[in-house]
Amino acid sequence: MKELVFGHKNPDTDAIVAAKAYSYLQNKLGADTEAVALGTPNEETKFVLDYFKEEYPRVITTAKNEVEAVMLVDHNEAQQSVDDIKELTVTHVIDHHRIANFETAAPLYYHAEPLGCSSTVIYKEFKANNVEVPAKLAGLMLSAIISDTLLLKSPTTTDEDVVAVKELAEIAGVNYEEYGLEMLKAGTNLSSKTEEELISADAKSFEMGGKTVRVDQVNTVDLDEVFAREAALRAAIEKQNAEEGYDLFLLMVTNILDSNTRLLVVGEPKDVVEKAFDKKLEDDKMDLPGVVSRKKQVVPPLEAAF
């Protein structure tokens, strides 16, 4: 029976690549799966797919109309998954995030590790099952790890991610340092994007202390270029908060060259943000030197503060 494999909504490079990689592996092991996406690829992911001449995945919003069972990669939380996730059987999860708002009626295969990228977890699955990674797929998986670890600079990076990057780069025939910088820069071309696109492109929702907290991350090589649009960004966030019921919205604008982030905070309770980072907001903004990871450096202190 066919199953769909997909990553989270507002997919980043790992969400799309991990689905492709895990679907390939499962099909090699005898399953019948298709990798799909819960949104269109962002600029960085388009660069990656075009570079390796890989097809864009089919985009879905519901799955029950096609299949009974699904496999999740790079997420487990229901609010980040397909709209009808509660009506589906989840048979497999491959992830590198916390486990929250997730339960199943039947036993399942669940492989999660605190690594920098779910594609690193999947690379370990290839090795464990003695399945060879084709050169093109190695390039895609390499890209996902570079994306999630900001070229191995993020504090989420582990020794296993470093090993995976080097081995996959060799299989793909790519100089990962040169290629990685080119790839990350491709994702920072923001001038063509609307404010709505900027605040939605890499956004995730979290339930904390009875509040819905939305955290979006925008990568750039120039913080001032993004904050020149601050008034329009605020307006777009306020509109989205009202329409979607978000209580608190944190926009992380991260400079990939020096690994620093500037937060723009819209909504309430703002004092929780100040408590989380032990800093005062100035005009709803806060500089966070050395902070690049939503998963490891932003969400945990926020949860603790709530």
Protein backbone atom coordinates (compact mmCIF):
# COMPACT_ATOMS: atom_id res chain seq x y z
CA MET A 1 0.00 0.00 0.00
CA LYS A 2 1.37 3.39 -1.00
CA GLU A 3 2.49 5.91 1.63
CA LEU A 4 3.42 9.57 1.35
CA VAL A 5 6.60 10.93 2.92
CA PHE A 6 6.84 14.61 3.84
CA GLY A 7 8.49 17.19 6.06
CA HIS A 8 6.90 20.12 7.91
CA LYS A 9 4.84 23.04 6.59
CA ASN A 10 6.80 26.04 5.23
CA PRO A 11 9.43 23.52 4.18
CA ASP A 12 13.13 24.35 4.40
CA THR A 13 15.81 22.47 2.49
CA ASP A 14 15.98 19.62 5.02
CA ALA A 15 12.19 19.11 5.05
CA ILE A 16 12.15 18.65 1.28
CA VAL A 17 15.42 16.75 0.90
CA ALA A 18 14.79 14.43 3.86
CA ALA A 19 11.46 13.40 2.33
CA LYS A 20 13.15 12.60 -0.97
CA ALA A 21 16.02 10.74 0.72
CA TYR A 22 13.83 8.70 3.04
CA SER A 23 11.36 7.85 0.28
CA TYR A 24 14.27 6.63 -1.89
CA LEU A 25 15.60 4.49 0.97
CA GLN A 26 12.17 3.03 1.82
CA ASN A 27 11.53 2.17 -1.84
CA LYS A 28 14.92 0.44 -2.01
CA LEU A 29 13.84 -1.57 1.04
CA GLY A 30 10.63 -2.66 -0.69
CA ALA A 31 8.07 -0.03 0.32
CA ASP A 32 5.89 1.97 -2.07
CA THR A 33 6.31 5.65 -1.17
CA GLU A 34 6.26 9.09 -2.77
CA ALA A 35 8.02 12.16 -1.41
CA VAL A 36 5.76 15.22 -1.35
CA ALA A 37 5.92 18.63 0.32
CA LEU A 38 3.62 20.74 2.48
CA GLY A 39 4.58 23.94 0.65
CA THR A 40 6.67 25.24 -2.22
CA PRO A 41 10.49 25.30 -2.01
CA ASN A 42 12.11 28.51 -0.74
CA GLU A 43 14.87 30.30 -2.70
CA GLU A 44 17.65 28.28 -1.08
CA THR A 45 15.91 24.97 -1.76
CA LYS A 46 15.18 25.99 -5.37
CA PHE A 47 18.91 26.68 -5.80
CA VAL A 48 19.72 23.21 -4.43
CA LEU A 49 17.15 21.36 -6.57
CA ASP A 50 18.19 23.26 -9.71
CA TYR A 51 21.92 22.77 -8.99
CA PHE A 52 21.50 18.99 -8.81
CA LYS A 53 18.82 18.93 -11.54
CA GLU A 54 16.26 17.40 -9.20
CA GLU A 55 12.49 17.70 -9.67
CA TYR A 56 10.46 19.96 -7.39
CA PRO A 57 8.18 17.84 -5.17
CA ARG A 58 4.43 17.75 -5.56
CA VAL A 59 2.72 19.98 -2.97
CA ILE A 60 -0.20 18.68 -0.88
CA THR A 61 -2.35 20.09 1.93
CA THR A 62 -4.23 16.88 2.80
CA ALA A 63 -3.22 13.23 2.47
CA LYS A 64 -6.26 11.16 3.52
CA ASN A 65 -7.75 11.63 0.04
CA GLU A 66 -4.75 9.70 -1.34
CA VAL A 67 -3.41 7.31 1.29
CA GLU A 68 -4.15 5.73 4.65
CA ALA A 69 -0.61 5.96 6.05
CA VAL A 70 2.25 8.44 6.00
CA MET A 71 5.88 8.82 7.05
CA LEU A 72 7.03 12.05 8.70
CA VAL A 73 10.52 13.52 8.38
CA ASP A 74 12.03 16.58 10.07
CA HIS A 75 8.98 17.11 12.34
CA ASN A 76 6.49 15.38 14.57
CA GLU A 77 4.31 18.16 16.01
CA ALA A 78 0.74 18.06 14.69
CA GLN A 79 0.50 21.80 14.02
CA GLN A 80 3.54 21.59 11.74
CA SER A 81 2.21 18.60 9.79
CA VAL A 82 -0.37 17.94 7.09
CA ASP A 83 -3.82 19.37 7.88
CA ASP A 84 -5.52 15.96 8.27
CA ILE A 85 -2.72 14.26 10.22
CA LYS A 86 -5.19 13.09 12.92
CA GLU A 87 -7.01 10.96 10.31
CA LEU A 88 -3.86 9.19 9.11
CA THR A 89 -1.72 6.35 10.40
CA VAL A 90 1.86 7.45 10.96
CA THR A 91 4.12 4.46 10.36
CA HIS A 92 7.57 6.13 10.48
CA VAL A 93 9.12 9.28 11.92
CA ILE A 94 12.68 10.45 11.26
CA ASP A 95 13.47 13.60 13.21
CA HIS A 96 15.97 15.70 15.13
CA HIS A 97 13.57 17.91 17.09
CA ARG A 98 11.79 17.71 20.43
CA ILE A 99 8.68 15.52 20.64
CA ALA A 100 5.48 17.50 21.33
CA ASN A 101 1.77 17.24 20.49
CA PHE A 102 2.40 13.81 18.99
CA GLU A 103 0.68 10.52 19.64
CA THR A 104 -0.34 7.50 17.62
CA ALA A 105 -2.92 4.74 18.01
CA ALA A 106 -0.59 2.06 16.63
CA PRO A 107 3.09 1.24 17.18
CA LEU A 108 5.47 2.88 14.73
CA TYR A 109 9.12 3.14 13.70
CA TYR A 110 10.57 6.26 15.32
CA HIS A 111 14.20 7.32 14.85
CA ALA A 112 15.12 10.67 16.38
CA GLU A 113 18.55 11.85 17.41
CA PRO A 114 19.81 15.24 18.64
CA LEU A 115 21.80 15.83 15.46
CA GLY A 116 22.05 18.99 13.39
CA CYS A 117 19.85 17.75 10.58
CA SER A 118 17.35 14.98 9.92
CA SER A 119 19.21 14.17 6.70
CA THR A 120 22.16 13.15 8.91
CA VAL A 121 19.83 10.70 10.68
CA ILE A 122 18.70 9.38 7.29
CA TYR A 123 22.32 9.01 6.13
CA LYS A 124 22.85 6.75 9.17
CA GLU A 125 19.79 4.74 8.05
CA PHE A 126 21.33 4.26 4.60
CA LYS A 127 24.49 2.90 6.24
CA ALA A 128 22.60 0.68 8.68
CA ASN A 129 20.66 -0.86 5.77
CA ASN A 130 23.71 -1.12 3.48
CA VAL A 131 22.03 0.99 0.80
CA GLU A 132 24.30 3.11 -1.41
CA VAL A 133 23.58 6.83 -1.67
CA PRO A 134 23.54 7.93 -5.35
CA ALA A 135 25.69 10.98 -6.20
CA LYS A 136 22.73 13.31 -6.85
CA LEU A 137 20.98 12.34 -3.62
CA ALA A 138 24.28 12.76 -1.75
CA GLY A 139 24.43 16.33 -3.06
CA LEU A 140 20.88 16.99 -1.89
CA MET A 141 21.50 15.52 1.58
CA LEU A 142 24.77 17.45 1.86
CA SER A 143 22.82 20.64 1.07
CA ALA A 144 20.25 19.89 3.76
CA ILE A 145 22.93 19.47 6.43
CA ILE A 146 24.71 22.66 5.31
CA SER A 147 21.37 24.49 5.48
CA ASP A 148 20.38 23.25 8.94
CA THR A 149 23.83 23.75 10.46
CA LEU A 150 24.66 27.01 8.63
CA LEU A 151 27.70 25.40 7.06
CA LEU A 152 28.57 23.55 10.31
CA LYS A 153 28.63 26.81 12.34
CA SER A 154 25.38 26.36 14.26
CA PRO A 155 25.54 25.09 17.87
CA THR A 156 23.24 22.27 16.72
CA THR A 157 26.16 20.84 14.69
CA THR A 158 27.51 17.52 15.95
CA ASP A 159 30.58 15.48 15.02
CA GLU A 160 28.27 13.15 13.12
CA ASP A 161 27.01 16.03 10.96
CA VAL A 162 30.61 16.97 10.13
CA VAL A 163 31.44 13.40 9.13
CA ALA A 164 28.26 13.13 7.04
CA VAL A 165 29.02 16.41 5.21
CA LYS A 166 32.53 15.29 4.31
CA GLU A 167 31.46 11.82 3.15
CA LEU A 168 28.44 13.06 1.18
CA ALA A 169 30.54 15.81 -0.44
CA GLU A 170 32.94 13.13 -1.65
CA ILE A 171 30.13 11.01 -3.09
CA ALA A 172 28.59 14.07 -4.76
CA GLY A 173 31.93 15.38 -6.02
CA VAL A 174 31.38 18.80 -4.45
CA ASN A 175 33.68 21.17 -2.54
CA TYR A 176 31.28 21.63 0.36
CA GLU A 177 32.77 24.89 1.66
CA GLU A 178 32.61 26.74 -1.65
CA TYR A 179 29.28 25.22 -2.64
CA GLY A 180 27.82 25.74 0.85
CA LEU A 181 28.49 29.48 0.91
CA GLU A 182 27.03 29.88 -2.58
CA MET A 183 23.96 27.92 -1.52
CA LEU A 184 23.38 29.89 1.71
CA LYS A 185 23.77 33.19 -0.13
CA ALA A 186 21.16 32.06 -2.68
CA GLY A 187 18.67 31.90 0.18
CA THR A 188 19.39 35.48 1.27
CA ASN A 189 18.13 37.25 -1.85
CA LEU A 190 15.26 38.98 -0.07
CA SER A 191 14.60 42.04 -2.25
CA SER A 192 12.11 40.21 -4.47
CA LYS A 193 10.10 38.89 -1.51
CA THR A 194 7.03 40.56 -0.03
CA GLU A 195 6.83 41.13 3.74
CA GLU A 196 4.22 38.37 3.92
CA GLU A 197 6.65 35.97 2.25
CA LEU A 198 9.49 36.97 4.56
CA ILE A 199 7.49 36.34 7.74
CA SER A 200 6.09 33.03 6.48
CA ALA A 201 8.98 31.40 4.60
CA ASP A 202 10.57 29.60 7.57
CA ALA A 203 7.99 30.00 10.34
CA LYS A 204 6.95 27.44 12.94
CA SER A 205 4.29 27.57 15.65
CA PHE A 206 4.80 26.42 19.23
CA GLU A 207 2.37 26.10 22.12
CA MET A 208 3.94 27.57 25.26
CA GLY A 209 2.24 28.39 28.52
CA GLY A 210 -1.19 28.39 26.87
CA LYS A 211 0.01 30.84 24.21
CA THR A 212 0.64 30.29 20.52
CA VAL A 213 4.15 31.47 19.75
CA ARG A 214 5.24 31.88 16.14
CA VAL A 215 8.97 31.98 15.37
CA ASP A 216 10.16 32.84 11.86
CA GLN A 217 13.79 32.94 10.73
CA VAL A 218 15.15 34.98 7.85
CA ASN A 219 18.78 34.53 6.78
CA THR A 220 20.63 37.51 5.36
CA VAL A 221 24.10 38.93 4.77
CA ASP A 222 22.91 42.43 5.77
CA LEU A 223 20.70 43.03 8.82
CA ASP A 224 20.17 46.69 7.92
CA GLU A 225 18.74 45.76 4.54
CA VAL A 226 16.00 43.74 6.25
CA PHE A 227 15.31 46.29 8.99
CA ALA A 228 14.93 49.05 6.42
CA ARG A 229 11.55 47.34 5.90
CA GLU A 230 10.71 47.18 9.62
CA ALA A 231 7.46 49.17 9.50
CA ALA A 232 6.06 46.98 6.71
CA LEU A 233 7.27 43.82 8.46
CA ARG A 234 5.54 44.87 11.70
CA ALA A 235 2.30 45.55 9.85
CA ALA A 236 2.43 42.16 8.14
CA ILE A 237 3.11 40.39 11.45
CA GLU A 238 0.28 42.22 13.24
CA LYS A 239 -2.10 41.22 10.44
CA GLN A 240 -0.98 37.59 10.63
CA ASN A 241 -1.25 37.54 14.43
CA ALA A 242 -4.84 38.77 14.18
CA GLU A 243 -5.85 36.40 11.37
CA GLU A 244 -4.11 33.25 12.64
CA GLY A 245 -4.48 33.79 16.39
CA TYR A 246 -0.76 34.02 17.21
CA ASP A 247 -0.19 35.64 20.60
CA LEU A 248 3.51 36.31 20.20
CA PHE A 249 5.57 36.52 17.00
CA LEU A 250 9.37 36.48 16.98
CA LEU A 251 11.09 37.35 13.73
CA MET A 252 14.70 36.12 13.84
CA VAL A 253 16.85 37.94 11.30
CA THR A 254 20.15 36.06 11.17
CA ASN A 255 23.36 37.24 9.54
CA ILE A 256 24.90 34.06 8.12
CA LEU A 257 28.33 35.68 7.75
CA ASP A 258 28.89 36.58 11.41
CA SER A 259 26.32 34.27 13.10
CA ASN A 260 24.37 37.03 14.87
CA THR A 261 20.61 37.47 15.12
CA ARG A 262 18.39 40.51 15.63
CA LEU A 263 14.89 39.80 16.96
CA LEU A 264 11.77 41.76 16.13
CA VAL A 265 9.04 40.92 18.63
CA VAL A 266 5.35 41.62 17.98
CA GLY A 267 2.53 40.61 20.33
CA GLU A 268 2.41 39.66 24.00
CA PRO A 269 3.77 38.73 26.50
CA LYS A 270 6.96 40.59 25.53
CA ASP A 271 8.34 40.39 29.08
CA VAL A 272 8.74 36.63 28.58
CA VAL A 273 11.15 37.32 25.71
CA GLU A 274 13.17 39.67 27.93
CA LYS A 275 13.21 37.04 30.67
CA ALA A 276 14.23 34.28 28.22
CA PHE A 277 17.30 36.14 26.96
CA ASP A 278 17.98 38.28 30.05
CA LYS A 279 17.93 41.44 27.94
CA LYS A 280 15.68 44.44 27.46
CA LEU A 281 13.81 44.96 24.22
CA GLU A 282 14.46 48.33 22.63
CA ASP A 283 11.62 49.40 20.34
CA ASP A 284 10.60 45.70 20.28
CA LYS A 285 14.05 44.68 19.02
CA MET A 286 16.92 42.76 20.58
CA ASP A 287 20.38 41.81 19.31
CA LEU A 288 21.48 38.25 20.11
CA PRO A 289 25.18 37.77 19.24
CA GLY A 290 26.08 34.18 18.38
CA VAL A 291 22.45 33.06 18.18
CA VAL A 292 21.61 31.24 14.94
CA SER A 293 19.47 28.26 15.99
CA ARG A 294 15.74 28.52 16.62
CA LYS A 295 15.66 24.93 17.86
CA LYS A 296 18.51 25.13 20.33
CA GLN A 297 18.99 28.81 21.23
CA VAL A 298 15.54 30.41 20.97
CA VAL A 299 12.76 27.90 21.67
CA PRO A 300 14.24 26.29 24.85
CA PRO A 301 14.88 29.59 26.73
CA LEU A 302 11.40 30.81 25.69
CA GLU A 303 9.81 27.64 27.03
CA ALA A 304 11.76 27.97 30.27
CA ALA A 305 10.66 31.61 30.62
CA PHE A 306 7.00 30.71 30.02
